[in-house]
Amino acid sequence: MTAPQARTVANVVLAAAGLAAAYVVITTPPLRRLAMRATRAWLGASVPVFLASQLGQAWGESRNDHALT
């Protein structure tokens, strides 16, 4: 088996495992609730951090632009 063939087989196996896990999570109510809570927690933590970093970057760039004029 060549390297590209092995990579393709590995990708197919990983995709099938991911789909099987998603099916189990979606069809099992306690797991579905846990996944939703984890998603909310992740979004609740990452979105404000991203916005704060973008705000800081924009603030810094605006100070640099203003200093040049």
N, C-alpha and C. Protein backbone atom coordinates (compact mmCIF):
# COMPACT_ATOMS: atom_id res chain seq x y z
N MET A 1 0.85 -1.17 0.00
CA MET A 1 0.00 0.00 0.00
C MET A 1 0.90 1.24 0.00
N THR A 2 0.56 2.18 -0.86
CA THR A 2 1.36 3.40 -0.95
C THR A 2 0.93 4.39 0.13
N ALA A 3 1.75 5.39 0.34
CA ALA A 3 1.44 6.40 1.37
C ALA A 3 0.13 7.14 1.09
N PRO A 4 -0.12 7.57 -0.15
CA PRO A 4 -1.41 8.23 -0.40
C PRO A 4 -2.62 7.32 -0.15
N GLN A 5 -2.48 6.04 -0.49
CA GLN A 5 -3.58 5.10 -0.24
C GLN A 5 -3.80 4.93 1.26
N ALA A 6 -2.72 4.81 2.00
CA ALA A 6 -2.84 4.67 3.46
C ALA A 6 -3.47 5.90 4.06
N ARG A 7 -3.10 7.08 3.57
CA ARG A 7 -3.69 8.33 4.06
C ARG A 7 -5.19 8.37 3.77
N THR A 8 -5.57 7.94 2.58
CA THR A 8 -6.99 7.92 2.22
C THR A 8 -7.77 6.95 3.10
N VAL A 9 -7.21 5.76 3.32
CA VAL A 9 -7.88 4.78 4.19
C VAL A 9 -8.02 5.33 5.60
N ALA A 10 -6.96 5.96 6.10
CA ALA A 10 -7.02 6.54 7.46
C ALA A 10 -8.07 7.64 7.54
N ASN A 11 -8.16 8.48 6.51
CA ASN A 11 -9.17 9.54 6.50
C ASN A 11 -10.58 8.98 6.49
N VAL A 12 -10.79 7.92 5.72
CA VAL A 12 -12.12 7.30 5.66
C VAL A 12 -12.48 6.69 7.02
N VAL A 13 -11.53 6.01 7.65
CA VAL A 13 -11.78 5.40 8.96
C VAL A 13 -12.09 6.49 10.00
N LEU A 14 -11.31 7.58 9.99
CA LEU A 14 -11.57 8.66 10.95
C LEU A 14 -12.92 9.32 10.69
N ALA A 15 -13.28 9.52 9.44
CA ALA A 15 -14.57 10.11 9.12
C ALA A 15 -15.71 9.20 9.59
N ALA A 16 -15.57 7.90 9.37
CA ALA A 16 -16.61 6.96 9.81
C ALA A 16 -16.73 6.96 11.33
N ALA A 17 -15.60 7.00 12.03
CA ALA A 17 -15.64 7.04 13.49
C ALA A 17 -16.28 8.33 13.98
N GLY A 18 -15.97 9.43 13.33
CA GLY A 18 -16.58 10.71 13.71
C GLY A 18 -18.08 10.71 13.49
N LEU A 19 -18.52 10.17 12.37
CA LEU A 19 -19.96 10.09 12.10
C LEU A 19 -20.66 9.18 13.10
N ALA A 20 -20.03 8.05 13.44
CA ALA A 20 -20.62 7.14 14.42
C ALA A 20 -20.72 7.82 15.79
N ALA A 21 -19.69 8.53 16.18
CA ALA A 21 -19.72 9.23 17.47
C ALA A 21 -20.79 10.32 17.46
N ALA A 22 -20.90 11.06 16.36
CA ALA A 22 -21.93 12.10 16.27
C ALA A 22 -23.33 11.49 16.35
N TYR A 23 -23.53 10.35 15.71
CA TYR A 23 -24.83 9.69 15.77
C TYR A 23 -25.18 9.29 17.20
N VAL A 24 -24.19 8.72 17.89
CA VAL A 24 -24.44 8.30 19.28
C VAL A 24 -24.76 9.50 20.16
N VAL A 25 -24.02 10.59 19.99
CA VAL A 25 -24.25 11.78 20.80
C VAL A 25 -25.62 12.38 20.50
N ILE A 26 -25.99 12.45 19.23
CA ILE A 26 -27.27 13.05 18.85
C ILE A 26 -28.45 12.20 19.31
N THR A 27 -28.32 10.90 19.30
CA THR A 27 -29.44 10.04 19.64
C THR A 27 -29.52 9.69 21.13
N THR A 28 -28.55 10.10 21.93
CA THR A 28 -28.56 9.83 23.36
C THR A 28 -28.77 11.15 24.10
N PRO A 29 -29.97 11.36 24.67
CA PRO A 29 -30.27 12.66 25.28
C PRO A 29 -29.25 13.15 26.32
N PRO A 30 -28.77 12.34 27.26
CA PRO A 30 -27.78 12.88 28.21
C PRO A 30 -26.49 13.35 27.52
N LEU A 31 -26.05 12.60 26.52
CA LEU A 31 -24.85 13.01 25.79
C LEU A 31 -25.11 14.26 24.96
N ARG A 32 -26.30 14.35 24.40
CA ARG A 32 -26.67 15.53 23.62
C ARG A 32 -26.67 16.77 24.51
N ARG A 33 -27.24 16.65 25.73
CA ARG A 33 -27.24 17.80 26.66
C ARG A 33 -25.82 18.18 27.05
N LEU A 34 -24.98 17.17 27.31
CA LEU A 34 -23.59 17.43 27.66
C LEU A 34 -22.86 18.14 26.51
N ALA A 35 -23.09 17.69 25.29
CA ALA A 35 -22.46 18.32 24.13
C ALA A 35 -22.92 19.76 23.96
N MET A 36 -24.20 20.01 24.20
CA MET A 36 -24.72 21.38 24.08
C MET A 36 -24.12 22.28 25.16
N ARG A 37 -24.02 21.76 26.39
CA ARG A 37 -23.42 22.55 27.48
C ARG A 37 -21.96 22.85 27.17
N ALA A 38 -21.24 21.87 26.67
CA ALA A 38 -19.83 22.07 26.34
C ALA A 38 -19.68 23.08 25.20
N THR A 39 -20.56 23.02 24.22
CA THR A 39 -20.51 23.98 23.12
C THR A 39 -20.78 25.39 23.62
N ARG A 40 -21.78 25.54 24.48
CA ARG A 40 -22.08 26.86 25.04
C ARG A 40 -20.92 27.39 25.86
N ALA A 41 -20.30 26.52 26.65
CA ALA A 41 -19.17 26.95 27.47
C ALA A 41 -17.99 27.35 26.59
N TRP A 42 -17.74 26.58 25.53
CA TRP A 42 -16.64 26.90 24.63
C TRP A 42 -16.89 28.23 23.92
N LEU A 43 -18.10 28.42 23.40
CA LEU A 43 -18.42 29.68 22.74
C LEU A 43 -18.42 30.83 23.73
N GLY A 44 -18.90 30.56 24.94
CA GLY A 44 -18.93 31.61 25.96
C GLY A 44 -17.55 32.05 26.39
N ALA A 45 -16.57 31.18 26.25
CA ALA A 45 -15.21 31.54 26.64
C ALA A 45 -14.40 32.06 25.45
N SER A 46 -14.56 31.47 24.29
CA SER A 46 -13.68 31.81 23.18
C SER A 46 -14.11 33.08 22.44
N VAL A 47 -15.40 33.32 22.31
CA VAL A 47 -15.85 34.49 21.57
C VAL A 47 -15.44 35.78 22.28
N PRO A 48 -15.67 35.94 23.59
CA PRO A 48 -15.21 37.17 24.25
C PRO A 48 -13.69 37.36 24.19
N VAL A 49 -12.95 36.28 24.31
CA VAL A 49 -11.48 36.39 24.22
C VAL A 49 -11.08 36.84 22.83
N PHE A 50 -11.70 36.30 21.80
CA PHE A 50 -11.41 36.71 20.43
C PHE A 50 -11.75 38.19 20.23
N LEU A 51 -12.93 38.60 20.69
CA LEU A 51 -13.33 40.00 20.53
C LEU A 51 -12.39 40.93 21.28
N ALA A 52 -11.99 40.55 22.48
CA ALA A 52 -11.06 41.38 23.24
C ALA A 52 -9.72 41.50 22.53
N SER A 53 -9.23 40.40 21.96
CA SER A 53 -7.95 40.48 21.25
C SER A 53 -8.07 41.34 20.00
N GLN A 54 -9.19 41.24 19.31
CA GLN A 54 -9.39 42.08 18.13
C GLN A 54 -9.50 43.55 18.52
N LEU A 55 -10.16 43.82 19.62
CA LEU A 55 -10.28 45.19 20.11
C LEU A 55 -8.90 45.75 20.46
N GLY A 56 -8.09 44.97 21.15
CA GLY A 56 -6.75 45.41 21.50
C GLY A 56 -5.89 45.65 20.27
N GLN A 57 -6.00 44.77 19.29
CA GLN A 57 -5.23 44.92 18.06
C GLN A 57 -5.67 46.18 17.32
N ALA A 58 -6.98 46.40 17.21
CA ALA A 58 -7.49 47.59 16.53
C ALA A 58 -7.07 48.85 17.27
N TRP A 59 -7.09 48.81 18.59
CA TRP A 59 -6.69 49.96 19.40
C TRP A 59 -5.22 50.29 19.12
N GLY A 60 -4.38 49.25 19.12
CA GLY A 60 -2.96 49.46 18.86
C GLY A 60 -2.71 49.99 17.46
N GLU A 61 -3.41 49.46 16.48
CA GLU A 61 -3.23 49.92 15.11
C GLU A 61 -3.73 51.35 14.95
N SER A 62 -4.81 51.70 15.62
CA SER A 62 -5.31 53.07 15.49
C SER A 62 -4.35 54.06 16.13
N ARG A 63 -3.68 53.67 17.21
CA ARG A 63 -2.69 54.55 17.83
C ARG A 63 -1.51 54.73 16.90
N ASN A 64 -1.07 53.65 16.25
CA ASN A 64 0.06 53.75 15.34
C ASN A 64 -0.29 54.58 14.10
N ASP A 65 -1.50 54.42 13.58
CA ASP A 65 -1.92 55.20 12.42
C ASP A 65 -2.02 56.68 12.78
N HIS A 66 -2.51 56.95 13.97
CA HIS A 66 -2.70 58.34 14.39
C HIS A 66 -1.34 59.02 14.63
N ALA A 67 -0.36 58.26 15.09
CA ALA A 67 0.96 58.83 15.36
C ALA A 67 1.67 59.19 14.07
N LEU A 68 1.33 58.52 12.97
CA LEU A 68 2.00 58.80 11.71
C LEU A 68 1.51 60.07 11.04
N THR A 69 0.30 60.51 11.36
CA THR A 69 -0.24 61.69 10.69
C THR A 69 0.05 62.94 11.44
